[in-house]
């Protein structure tokens, strides 16, 4: 059984963009492959649910997406 990593590998997660609709899915993918605390896992799952339910352009340009992106920066940091 392969264990989840505690830390990220050094390198880029995403390049050439700062758009929420590009960064949030990339950060969610990385977060799902890390060993996180229960609280962090709950936060990631909440963000994933919001992102999946809000595939329209309004979410990606909203403050909610900005807050979700900040949360992911904190979790991955």
PDB file of N, CA and C in Angstrom:
ATOM      1  N   UNK A   1       0.843  -1.175   0.000  1.00  0.00           N
ATOM      2  CA  UNK A   1       0.000   0.000   0.000  1.00  0.00           C
ATOM      3  C   UNK A   1       0.888   1.239   0.000  1.00  0.00           C
ATOM      4  N   UNK A   2       0.641   2.133  -0.936  1.00  0.00           N
ATOM      5  CA  UNK A   2       1.427   3.359  -1.022  1.00  0.00           C
ATOM      6  C   UNK A   2       0.896   4.376  -0.024  1.00  0.00           C
ATOM      7  N   UNK A   3       1.787   4.961   0.755  1.00  0.00           N
ATOM      8  CA  UNK A   3       1.395   5.940   1.765  1.00  0.00           C
ATOM      9  C   UNK A   3       1.385   7.334   1.170  1.00  0.00           C
ATOM     10  N   UNK A   4       0.505   8.167   1.681  1.00  0.00           N
ATOM     11  CA  UNK A   4       0.449   9.549   1.243  1.00  0.00           C
ATOM     12  C   UNK A   4       1.627  10.314   1.827  1.00  0.00           C
ATOM     13  N   UNK A   5       2.130  11.259   1.057  1.00  0.00           N
ATOM     14  CA  UNK A   5       3.259  12.067   1.501  1.00  0.00           C
ATOM     15  C   UNK A   5       2.817  13.075   2.551  1.00  0.00           C
ATOM     16  N   UNK A   6       3.762  13.428   3.430  1.00  0.00           N
ATOM     17  CA  UNK A   6       3.502  14.465   4.423  1.00  0.00           C
ATOM     18  C   UNK A   6       3.772  15.847   3.845  1.00  0.00           C
ATOM     19  N   UNK A   7       4.682  15.926   2.892  1.00  0.00           N
ATOM     20  CA  UNK A   7       5.055  17.216   2.308  1.00  0.00           C
ATOM     21  C   UNK A   7       5.009  17.121   0.795  1.00  0.00           C
ATOM     22  N   UNK A   8       4.895  18.290   0.188  1.00  0.00           N
ATOM     23  CA  UNK A   8       4.897  18.357  -1.267  1.00  0.00           C
ATOM     24  C   UNK A   8       6.312  18.268  -1.800  1.00  0.00           C
ATOM     25  N   UNK A   9       6.435  17.759  -3.000  1.00  0.00           N
ATOM     26  CA  UNK A   9       7.705  17.795  -3.702  1.00  0.00           C
ATOM     27  C   UNK A   9       7.985  19.242  -4.103  1.00  0.00           C
ATOM     28  N   UNK A  10       9.232  19.624  -4.143  1.00  0.00           N
ATOM     29  CA  UNK A  10       9.575  20.968  -4.596  1.00  0.00           C
ATOM     30  C   UNK A  10       9.334  21.038  -6.093  1.00  0.00           C
ATOM     31  N   UNK A  11       8.649  22.089  -6.529  1.00  0.00           N
ATOM     32  CA  UNK A  11       8.345  22.264  -7.940  1.00  0.00           C
ATOM     33  C   UNK A  11       7.012  22.944  -8.127  1.00  0.00           C
ATOM     34  N   UNK A  12       6.636  23.122  -9.344  1.00  0.00           N
ATOM     35  CA  UNK A  12       5.398  23.821  -9.684  1.00  0.00           C
ATOM     36  C   UNK A  12       4.198  22.899  -9.596  1.00  0.00           C
ATOM     37  N   UNK A  13       3.109  23.461  -9.130  1.00  0.00           N
ATOM     38  CA  UNK A  13       1.815  22.775  -9.145  1.00  0.00           C
ATOM     39  C   UNK A  13       1.052  23.224 -10.371  1.00  0.00           C
ATOM     40  N   UNK A  14       1.205  24.479 -10.709  1.00  0.00           N
ATOM     41  CA  UNK A  14       0.551  25.063 -11.874  1.00  0.00           C
ATOM     42  C   UNK A  14       1.459  26.164 -12.395  1.00  0.00           C
ATOM     43  N   UNK A  15       1.472  26.365 -13.702  1.00  0.00           N
ATOM     44  CA  UNK A  15       2.313  27.430 -14.247  1.00  0.00           C
ATOM     45  C   UNK A  15       1.580  28.153 -15.362  1.00  0.00           C
ATOM     46  N   UNK A  16       1.931  29.413 -15.541  1.00  0.00           N
ATOM     47  CA  UNK A  16       1.380  30.190 -16.635  1.00  0.00           C
ATOM     48  C   UNK A  16      -0.015  30.740 -16.401  1.00  0.00           C
ATOM     49  N   UNK A  17      -0.538  30.613 -15.181  1.00  0.00           N
ATOM     50  CA  UNK A  17      -1.890  31.102 -14.911  1.00  0.00           C
ATOM     51  C   UNK A  17      -2.044  31.461 -13.445  1.00  0.00           C
ATOM     52  N   UNK A  18      -2.896  32.400 -13.180  1.00  0.00           N
ATOM     53  CA  UNK A  18      -3.294  32.734 -11.813  1.00  0.00           C
ATOM     54  C   UNK A  18      -4.822  32.744 -11.717  1.00  0.00           C
ATOM     55  N   UNK A  19      -5.482  32.083 -12.677  1.00  0.00           N
ATOM     56  CA  UNK A  19      -6.934  32.027 -12.687  1.00  0.00           C
ATOM     57  C   UNK A  19      -7.431  30.990 -11.683  1.00  0.00           C
ATOM     58  N   UNK A  20      -8.434  31.367 -10.914  1.00  0.00           N
ATOM     59  CA  UNK A  20      -9.008  30.451  -9.920  1.00  0.00           C
ATOM     60  C   UNK A  20      -9.450  29.140 -10.543  1.00  0.00           C
ATOM     61  N   UNK A  21     -10.044  29.208 -11.742  1.00  0.00           N
ATOM     62  CA  UNK A  21     -10.549  27.984 -12.366  1.00  0.00           C
ATOM     63  C   UNK A  21      -9.437  27.033 -12.794  1.00  0.00           C
ATOM     64  N   UNK A  22      -8.210  27.528 -12.859  1.00  0.00           N
ATOM     65  CA  UNK A  22      -7.059  26.665 -13.143  1.00  0.00           C
ATOM     66  C   UNK A  22      -6.367  26.215 -11.855  1.00  0.00           C
ATOM     67  N   UNK A  23      -6.232  27.143 -10.915  1.00  0.00           N
ATOM     68  CA  UNK A  23      -5.482  26.851  -9.697  1.00  0.00           C
ATOM     69  C   UNK A  23      -6.229  25.956  -8.718  1.00  0.00           C
ATOM     70  N   UNK A  24      -7.506  26.219  -8.493  1.00  0.00           N
ATOM     71  CA  UNK A  24      -8.240  25.438  -7.491  1.00  0.00           C
ATOM     72  C   UNK A  24      -8.244  23.945  -7.820  1.00  0.00           C
ATOM     73  N   UNK A  25      -8.589  23.522  -9.038  1.00  0.00           N
ATOM     74  CA  UNK A  25      -8.526  22.075  -9.318  1.00  0.00           C
ATOM     75  C   UNK A  25      -7.114  21.491  -9.161  1.00  0.00           C
ATOM     76  N   UNK A  26      -6.084  22.237  -9.561  1.00  0.00           N
ATOM     77  CA  UNK A  26      -4.707  21.743  -9.429  1.00  0.00           C
ATOM     78  C   UNK A  26      -4.334  21.603  -7.951  1.00  0.00           C
ATOM     79  N   UNK A  27      -4.715  22.597  -7.134  1.00  0.00           N
ATOM     80  CA  UNK A  27      -4.411  22.548  -5.702  1.00  0.00           C
ATOM     81  C   UNK A  27      -5.203  21.450  -5.008  1.00  0.00           C
ATOM     82  N   UNK A  28      -6.454  21.255  -5.416  1.00  0.00           N
ATOM     83  CA  UNK A  28      -7.248  20.170  -4.831  1.00  0.00           C
ATOM     84  C   UNK A  28      -6.617  18.816  -5.130  1.00  0.00           C
ATOM     85  N   UNK A  29      -6.144  18.643  -6.355  1.00  0.00           N
ATOM     86  CA  UNK A  29      -5.504  17.379  -6.716  1.00  0.00           C
ATOM     87  C   UNK A  29      -4.286  17.137  -5.829  1.00  0.00           C
ATOM     88  N   UNK A  30      -3.464  18.150  -5.649  1.00  0.00           N
ATOM     89  CA  UNK A  30      -2.275  18.011  -4.794  1.00  0.00           C
ATOM     90  C   UNK A  30      -2.672  17.709  -3.357  1.00  0.00           C
ATOM     91  N   UNK A  31      -3.665  18.433  -2.838  1.00  0.00           N
ATOM     92  CA  UNK A  31      -4.079  18.251  -1.447  1.00  0.00           C
ATOM     93  C   UNK A  31      -4.611  16.847  -1.196  1.00  0.00           C
ATOM     94  N   UNK A  32      -5.296  16.287  -2.182  1.00  0.00           N
ATOM     95  CA  UNK A  32      -5.849  14.938  -2.014  1.00  0.00           C
ATOM     96  C   UNK A  32      -4.763  13.867  -1.978  1.00  0.00           C
ATOM     97  N   UNK A  33      -3.556  14.213  -2.364  1.00  0.00           N
ATOM     98  CA  UNK A  33      -2.452  13.260  -2.348  1.00  0.00           C
ATOM     99  C   UNK A  33      -1.499  13.477  -1.176  1.00  0.00           C
ATOM    100  N   UNK A  34      -1.909  14.310  -0.240  1.00  0.00           N
ATOM    101  CA  UNK A  34      -1.111  14.563   0.957  1.00  0.00           C
ATOM    102  C   UNK A  34      -1.795  13.977   2.179  1.00  0.00           C
ATOM    103  N   UNK A  35      -0.999  13.665   3.176  1.00  0.00           N
ATOM    104  CA  UNK A  35      -1.545  13.244   4.456  1.00  0.00           C
ATOM    105  C   UNK A  35      -1.865  14.518   5.236  1.00  0.00           C
ATOM    106  N   UNK A  36      -3.152  14.811   5.376  1.00  0.00           N
ATOM    107  CA  UNK A  36      -3.597  16.035   6.026  1.00  0.00           C
ATOM    108  C   UNK A  36      -4.245  15.716   7.369  1.00  0.00           C
ATOM    109  N   UNK A  37      -4.381  16.741   8.198  1.00  0.00           N
ATOM    110  CA  UNK A  37      -5.131  16.568   9.442  1.00  0.00           C
ATOM    111  C   UNK A  37      -6.608  16.433   9.098  1.00  0.00           C
ATOM    112  N   UNK A  38      -7.378  16.003  10.053  1.00  0.00           N
ATOM    113  CA  UNK A  38      -8.820  15.857   9.827  1.00  0.00           C
ATOM    114  C   UNK A  38      -9.441  17.204   9.460  1.00  0.00           C
ATOM    115  N   UNK A  39      -9.048  18.271  10.156  1.00  0.00           N
ATOM    116  CA  UNK A  39      -9.594  19.607   9.874  1.00  0.00           C
ATOM    117  C   UNK A  39      -9.216  20.060   8.461  1.00  0.00           C
ATOM    118  N   UNK A  40      -7.983  19.826   8.073  1.00  0.00           N
ATOM    119  CA  UNK A  40      -7.549  20.191   6.719  1.00  0.00           C
ATOM    120  C   UNK A  40      -8.312  19.396   5.668  1.00  0.00           C
ATOM    121  N   UNK A  41      -8.501  18.108   5.921  1.00  0.00           N
ATOM    122  CA  UNK A  41      -9.231  17.249   4.985  1.00  0.00           C
ATOM    123  C   UNK A  41     -10.669  17.740   4.831  1.00  0.00           C
ATOM    124  N   UNK A  42     -11.296  18.145   5.929  1.00  0.00           N
ATOM    125  CA  UNK A  42     -12.663  18.656   5.864  1.00  0.00           C
ATOM    126  C   UNK A  42     -12.717  19.950   5.052  1.00  0.00           C
ATOM    127  N   UNK A  43     -11.745  20.824   5.252  1.00  0.00           N
ATOM    128  CA  UNK A  43     -11.689  22.069   4.491  1.00  0.00           C
ATOM    129  C   UNK A  43     -11.517  21.781   2.996  1.00  0.00           C
ATOM    130  N   UNK A  44     -10.621  20.862   2.657  1.00  0.00           N
ATOM    131  CA  UNK A  44     -10.389  20.498   1.250  1.00  0.00           C
ATOM    132  C   UNK A  44     -11.656  19.905   0.643  1.00  0.00           C
ATOM    133  N   UNK A  45     -12.327  19.024   1.371  1.00  0.00           N
ATOM    134  CA  UNK A  45     -13.557  18.414   0.856  1.00  0.00           C
ATOM    135  C   UNK A  45     -14.653  19.453   0.644  1.00  0.00           C
ATOM    136  N   UNK A  46     -14.741  20.434   1.533  1.00  0.00           N
ATOM    137  CA  UNK A  46     -15.723  21.504   1.369  1.00  0.00           C
ATOM    138  C   UNK A  46     -15.446  22.336   0.132  1.00  0.00           C
ATOM    139  N   UNK A  47     -14.183  22.650  -0.091  1.00  0.00           N
ATOM    140  CA  UNK A  47     -13.803  23.411  -1.283  1.00  0.00           C
ATOM    141  C   UNK A  47     -14.093  22.602  -2.540  1.00  0.00           C
ATOM    142  N   UNK A  48     -13.759  21.324  -2.519  1.00  0.00           N
ATOM    143  CA  UNK A  48     -14.006  20.463  -3.684  1.00  0.00           C
ATOM    144  C   UNK A  48     -15.498  20.410  -4.002  1.00  0.00           C
ATOM    145  N   UNK A  49     -16.329  20.333  -2.975  1.00  0.00           N
ATOM    146  CA  UNK A  49     -17.778  20.293  -3.186  1.00  0.00           C
ATOM    147  C   UNK A  49     -18.266  21.596  -3.804  1.00  0.00           C
ATOM    148  N   UNK A  50     -17.807  22.723  -3.284  1.00  0.00           N
ATOM    149  CA  UNK A  50     -18.218  24.010  -3.850  1.00  0.00           C
ATOM    150  C   UNK A  50     -17.754  24.147  -5.297  1.00  0.00           C
ATOM    151  N   UNK A  51     -16.535  23.753  -5.575  1.00  0.00           N
ATOM    152  CA  UNK A  51     -15.995  23.865  -6.933  1.00  0.00           C
ATOM    153  C   UNK A  51     -16.752  22.951  -7.898  1.00  0.00           C
ATOM    154  N   UNK A  52     -17.097  21.745  -7.470  1.00  0.00           N
ATOM    155  CA  UNK A  52     -17.836  20.815  -8.333  1.00  0.00           C
ATOM    156  C   UNK A  52     -19.271  21.278  -8.584  1.00  0.00           C
ATOM    157  N   UNK A  53     -19.883  21.881  -7.582  1.00  0.00           N
ATOM    158  CA  UNK A  53     -21.276  22.315  -7.709  1.00  0.00           C
ATOM    159  C   UNK A  53     -21.400  23.654  -8.421  1.00  0.00           C
ATOM    160  N   UNK A  54     -20.306  24.359  -8.551  1.00  0.00           N
ATOM    161  CA  UNK A  54     -20.349  25.706  -9.121  1.00  0.00           C
ATOM    162  C   UNK A  54     -19.430  25.819 -10.326  1.00  0.00           C
ATOM    163  N   UNK A  55     -19.707  25.023 -11.335  1.00  0.00           N
ATOM    164  CA  UNK A  55     -18.856  25.041 -12.519  1.00  0.00           C
ATOM    165  C   UNK A  55     -19.111  26.251 -13.413  1.00  0.00           C
ATOM    166  N   UNK A  56     -20.068  27.088 -13.021  1.00  0.00           N
ATOM    167  CA  UNK A  56     -20.359  28.277 -13.833  1.00  0.00           C
ATOM    168  C   UNK A  56     -19.316  29.368 -13.586  1.00  0.00           C
ATOM    169  N   UNK A  57     -19.263  30.320 -14.490  1.00  0.00           N
ATOM    170  CA  UNK A  57     -18.260  31.383 -14.438  1.00  0.00           C
ATOM    171  C   UNK A  57     -18.426  32.273 -13.215  1.00  0.00           C
ATOM    172  N   UNK A  58     -19.641  32.410 -12.698  1.00  0.00           N
ATOM    173  CA  UNK A  58     -19.862  33.283 -11.544  1.00  0.00           C
ATOM    174  C   UNK A  58     -19.058  32.840 -10.331  1.00  0.00           C
ATOM    175  N   UNK A  59     -19.022  31.550 -10.045  1.00  0.00           N
ATOM    176  CA  UNK A  59     -18.255  31.072  -8.893  1.00  0.00           C
ATOM    177  C   UNK A  59     -16.778  31.401  -9.055  1.00  0.00           C
ATOM    178  N   UNK A  60     -16.231  31.116 -10.209  1.00  0.00           N
ATOM    179  CA  UNK A  60     -14.791  31.273 -10.417  1.00  0.00           C
ATOM    180  C   UNK A  60     -14.343  32.724 -10.291  1.00  0.00           C
ATOM    181  N   UNK A  61     -15.245  33.670 -10.528  1.00  0.00           N
ATOM    182  CA  UNK A  61     -14.913  35.089 -10.406  1.00  0.00           C
ATOM    183  C   UNK A  61     -15.377  35.680  -9.076  1.00  0.00           C
ATOM    184  N   UNK A  62     -15.942  34.865  -8.202  1.00  0.00           N
ATOM    185  CA  UNK A  62     -16.530  35.356  -6.958  1.00  0.00           C
ATOM    186  C   UNK A  62     -15.505  35.440  -5.830  1.00  0.00           C
ATOM    187  N   UNK A  63     -15.924  36.123  -4.754  1.00  0.00           N
ATOM    188  CA  UNK A  63     -15.105  36.181  -3.551  1.00  0.00           C
ATOM    189  C   UNK A  63     -14.964  34.796  -2.939  1.00  0.00           C
ATOM    190  N   UNK A  64     -15.997  33.954  -3.061  1.00  0.00           N
ATOM    191  CA  UNK A  64     -15.938  32.596  -2.518  1.00  0.00           C
ATOM    192  C   UNK A  64     -14.768  31.815  -3.105  1.00  0.00           C
ATOM    193  N   UNK A  65     -14.590  31.915  -4.419  1.00  0.00           N
ATOM    194  CA  UNK A  65     -13.463  31.234  -5.058  1.00  0.00           C
ATOM    195  C   UNK A  65     -12.145  31.805  -4.553  1.00  0.00           C
ATOM    196  N   UNK A  66     -12.097  33.106  -4.344  1.00  0.00           N
ATOM    197  CA  UNK A  66     -10.888  33.731  -3.799  1.00  0.00           C
ATOM    198  C   UNK A  66     -10.569  33.228  -2.404  1.00  0.00           C
ATOM    199  N   UNK A  67     -11.609  33.114  -1.567  1.00  0.00           N
ATOM    200  CA  UNK A  67     -11.409  32.588  -0.209  1.00  0.00           C
ATOM    201  C   UNK A  67     -10.971  31.125  -0.254  1.00  0.00           C
ATOM    202  N   UNK A  68     -11.591  30.354  -1.146  1.00  0.00           N
ATOM    203  CA  UNK A  68     -11.212  28.943  -1.284  1.00  0.00           C
ATOM    204  C   UNK A  68      -9.756  28.821  -1.723  1.00  0.00           C
ATOM    205  N   UNK A  69      -9.344  29.675  -2.628  1.00  0.00           N
ATOM    206  CA  UNK A  69      -7.962  29.656  -3.094  1.00  0.00           C
ATOM    207  C   UNK A  69      -7.005  29.990  -1.954  1.00  0.00           C
ATOM    208  N   UNK A  70      -7.347  30.974  -1.133  1.00  0.00           N
ATOM    209  CA  UNK A  70      -6.524  31.317   0.025  1.00  0.00           C
ATOM    210  C   UNK A  70      -6.420  30.141   0.993  1.00  0.00           C
ATOM    211  N   UNK A  71      -7.554  29.449   1.223  1.00  0.00           N
ATOM    212  CA  UNK A  71      -7.545  28.272   2.095  1.00  0.00           C
ATOM    213  C   UNK A  71      -6.587  27.206   1.578  1.00  0.00           C
ATOM    214  N   UNK A  72      -6.639  26.977   0.265  1.00  0.00           N
ATOM    215  CA  UNK A  72      -5.762  25.968  -0.322  1.00  0.00           C
ATOM    216  C   UNK A  72      -4.302  26.385  -0.237  1.00  0.00           C
ATOM    217  N   UNK A  73      -4.013  27.663  -0.441  1.00  0.00           N
ATOM    218  CA  UNK A  73      -2.638  28.151  -0.267  1.00  0.00           C
ATOM    219  C   UNK A  73      -2.155  27.852   1.146  1.00  0.00           C
ATOM    220  N   UNK A  74      -3.027  28.115   2.143  1.00  0.00           N
ATOM    221  CA  UNK A  74      -2.662  27.860   3.548  1.00  0.00           C
ATOM    222  C   UNK A  74      -2.420  26.384   3.806  1.00  0.00           C
ATOM    223  N   UNK A  75      -3.314  25.549   3.308  1.00  0.00           N
ATOM    224  CA  UNK A  75      -3.199  24.107   3.550  1.00  0.00           C
ATOM    225  C   UNK A  75      -1.937  23.543   2.889  1.00  0.00           C
ATOM    226  N   UNK A  76      -1.679  23.941   1.649  1.00  0.00           N
ATOM    227  CA  UNK A  76      -0.509  23.419   0.930  1.00  0.00           C
ATOM    228  C   UNK A  76       0.790  24.049   1.396  1.00  0.00           C
ATOM    229  N   UNK A  77       0.679  25.222   2.029  1.00  0.00           N
ATOM    230  CA  UNK A  77       1.879  25.916   2.513  1.00  0.00           C
ATOM    231  C   UNK A  77       2.459  25.229   3.695  1.00  0.00           C
TER     232      UNK A  77
END
